């Protein structure tokens, strides 16, 4: 069960970064191994934005698509993601944003399990490295906005 977290200090305001993370359809433009994304539903209910989206990840010919439930709590500036369908037994990740002077501290943690036990073992060995590469890509893109 791969589990990892990363924290980055990014020279952007909190709202810009939150909107950036919620712009899921742009992920294939800059995230390593993200081949496609599709938002099925996006609605605002009181202080929550709810998004249902697919991400296709991998490297051809080994790709897989998983569907996620993404919820942004406006009061807490917190994004919580869980899986709905796909190759995962479960997925839980969290984004937290804390503004500090001209920077925003972004905390991201992820915990998931792949249905395929063999792939799960492989991912467990290299997941922190992969998460750092994804965080690097997010930070480079965010700082170029």
Protein backbone atom coordinates (compact mmCIF):
# COMPACT_ATOMS: atom_id res chain seq x y z
CA UNK A 1 0.00 0.00 0.00
CA UNK A 2 1.97 2.98 -1.25
CA UNK A 3 1.74 5.98 1.03
CA UNK A 4 3.76 9.17 0.79
CA UNK A 5 3.65 12.90 1.37
CA UNK A 6 5.42 15.97 0.14
CA UNK A 7 5.48 19.63 1.17
CA UNK A 8 6.49 22.49 -1.10
CA UNK A 9 6.81 26.23 -0.63
CA UNK A 10 5.58 27.88 -3.83
CA UNK A 11 5.82 31.55 -4.69
CA UNK A 12 2.14 31.98 -5.54
CA UNK A 13 -0.96 32.99 -3.60
CA UNK A 14 -3.15 30.27 -2.13
CA UNK A 15 -6.22 30.89 -4.35
CA UNK A 16 -4.16 30.64 -7.55
CA UNK A 17 -2.72 27.31 -6.41
CA UNK A 18 -6.09 25.90 -5.38
CA UNK A 19 -7.61 26.80 -8.75
CA UNK A 20 -4.56 25.30 -10.44
CA UNK A 21 -4.99 21.96 -8.62
CA UNK A 22 -8.73 21.93 -9.42
CA UNK A 23 -8.03 22.45 -13.15
CA UNK A 24 -7.78 18.69 -13.66
CA UNK A 25 -8.22 18.77 -17.44
CA UNK A 26 -4.82 20.43 -17.81
CA UNK A 27 -2.90 17.70 -15.92
CA UNK A 28 -1.77 15.85 -19.09
CA UNK A 29 0.06 19.02 -20.19
CA UNK A 30 2.61 18.79 -17.39
CA UNK A 31 2.27 15.76 -15.10
CA UNK A 32 4.59 12.85 -15.87
CA UNK A 33 2.72 9.72 -17.00
CA UNK A 34 -0.66 11.48 -17.06
CA UNK A 35 -1.95 10.69 -20.54
CA UNK A 36 -5.50 12.00 -20.37
CA UNK A 37 -8.05 13.57 -18.04
CA UNK A 38 -11.76 14.14 -18.26
CA UNK A 39 -14.11 16.02 -15.95
CA UNK A 40 -17.62 14.55 -15.91
CA UNK A 41 -19.19 16.75 -13.31
CA UNK A 42 -18.29 19.95 -11.51
CA UNK A 43 -20.74 21.59 -9.14
CA UNK A 44 -20.71 23.96 -6.25
CA UNK A 45 -22.81 23.17 -3.19
CA UNK A 46 -22.59 25.71 -0.37
CA UNK A 47 -18.89 25.83 0.63
CA UNK A 48 -17.85 22.77 -1.37
CA UNK A 49 -16.84 22.25 -4.98
CA UNK A 50 -17.39 18.66 -6.09
CA UNK A 51 -15.68 17.25 -9.18
CA UNK A 52 -15.98 13.77 -10.69
CA UNK A 53 -13.07 13.12 -13.06
CA UNK A 54 -11.03 10.43 -14.79
CA UNK A 55 -7.25 10.34 -15.01
CA UNK A 56 -5.49 8.00 -17.40
CA UNK A 57 -1.97 7.27 -16.21
CA UNK A 58 0.91 5.06 -17.31
CA UNK A 59 3.09 4.66 -20.33
CA UNK A 60 1.78 2.97 -23.45
CA UNK A 61 0.98 0.13 -23.72
CA UNK A 62 0.57 0.01 -19.91
CA UNK A 63 -2.11 2.56 -19.11
CA UNK A 64 -5.07 2.58 -16.77
CA UNK A 65 -7.90 4.98 -16.00
CA UNK A 66 -9.35 5.66 -12.60
CA UNK A 67 -12.33 7.77 -11.64
CA UNK A 68 -12.06 10.13 -8.68
CA UNK A 69 -14.32 12.12 -6.42
CA UNK A 70 -12.61 15.46 -5.74
CA UNK A 71 -13.98 17.76 -3.05
CA UNK A 72 -12.72 21.23 -2.25
CA UNK A 73 -13.72 22.65 1.12
CA UNK A 74 -13.62 26.43 0.69
CA UNK A 75 -13.67 27.16 4.42
CA UNK A 76 -10.67 24.96 5.19
CA UNK A 77 -8.81 25.44 1.86
CA UNK A 78 -8.53 21.67 1.70
CA UNK A 79 -8.92 19.30 -1.28
CA UNK A 80 -9.79 15.68 -0.56
CA UNK A 81 -9.73 12.99 -3.29
CA UNK A 82 -11.05 9.42 -3.20
CA UNK A 83 -11.40 6.85 -5.96
CA UNK A 84 -14.73 5.75 -7.37
CA UNK A 85 -13.67 3.19 -9.98
CA UNK A 86 -10.66 1.79 -11.77
CA UNK A 87 -7.54 -0.21 -10.93
CA UNK A 88 -7.39 0.89 -7.29
CA UNK A 89 -8.84 -0.81 -4.23
CA UNK A 90 -8.77 2.61 -2.63
CA UNK A 91 -7.25 6.05 -3.02
CA UNK A 92 -7.14 8.89 -0.58
CA UNK A 93 -5.19 12.06 -1.08
CA UNK A 94 -5.26 15.47 0.52
CA UNK A 95 -4.06 18.90 -0.47
CA UNK A 96 -3.65 21.58 2.21
CA UNK A 97 -2.66 25.16 1.51
CA UNK A 98 -1.17 27.59 4.04
CA UNK A 99 -0.32 31.12 2.93
CA UNK A 100 2.95 32.54 4.31
CA UNK A 101 4.00 36.03 3.22
CA UNK A 102 4.48 35.84 -0.58
CA UNK A 103 4.47 32.04 -0.60
CA UNK A 104 2.03 29.22 -0.07
CA UNK A 105 3.03 26.05 1.70
CA UNK A 106 1.38 23.14 -0.10
CA UNK A 107 1.05 19.82 1.72
CA UNK A 108 0.11 16.80 -0.37
CA UNK A 109 -0.32 13.28 0.90
CA UNK A 110 -1.50 10.18 -0.90
CA UNK A 111 -2.40 6.68 0.21
CA UNK A 112 -3.61 4.05 -2.23
CA UNK A 113 -3.68 0.38 -3.06
CA UNK A 114 -3.68 -1.10 -6.56
CA UNK A 115 -5.93 -4.11 -7.11
CA UNK A 116 -3.05 -5.94 -8.85
CA UNK A 117 -0.87 -7.15 -5.93
CA UNK A 118 2.28 -7.41 -8.10
CA UNK A 119 1.97 -3.81 -9.31
CA UNK A 120 1.25 -2.73 -5.75
CA UNK A 121 4.58 -4.19 -4.58
CA UNK A 122 6.46 -2.47 -7.43
CA UNK A 123 4.77 0.89 -6.70
CA UNK A 124 5.56 0.61 -2.99
CA UNK A 125 9.28 0.49 -3.79
CA UNK A 126 9.39 3.59 -5.98
CA UNK A 127 6.38 5.67 -5.05
CA UNK A 128 8.11 8.43 -3.05
CA UNK A 129 10.45 9.02 -6.00
CA UNK A 130 7.48 9.23 -8.38
CA UNK A 131 5.57 11.55 -6.06
CA UNK A 132 8.57 13.89 -5.89
CA UNK A 133 8.69 13.99 -9.72
CA UNK A 134 4.98 14.85 -9.82
CA UNK A 135 5.42 17.52 -7.12
CA UNK A 136 8.35 18.99 -9.07
CA UNK A 137 6.14 19.18 -12.19
CA UNK A 138 3.31 20.85 -10.25
CA UNK A 139 5.69 23.36 -8.71
CA UNK A 140 7.39 24.25 -12.02
CA UNK A 141 4.02 24.72 -13.72
CA UNK A 142 2.55 26.72 -10.80
CA UNK A 143 5.54 29.05 -10.70
CA UNK A 144 5.25 29.64 -14.44
CA UNK A 145 1.61 30.84 -14.18
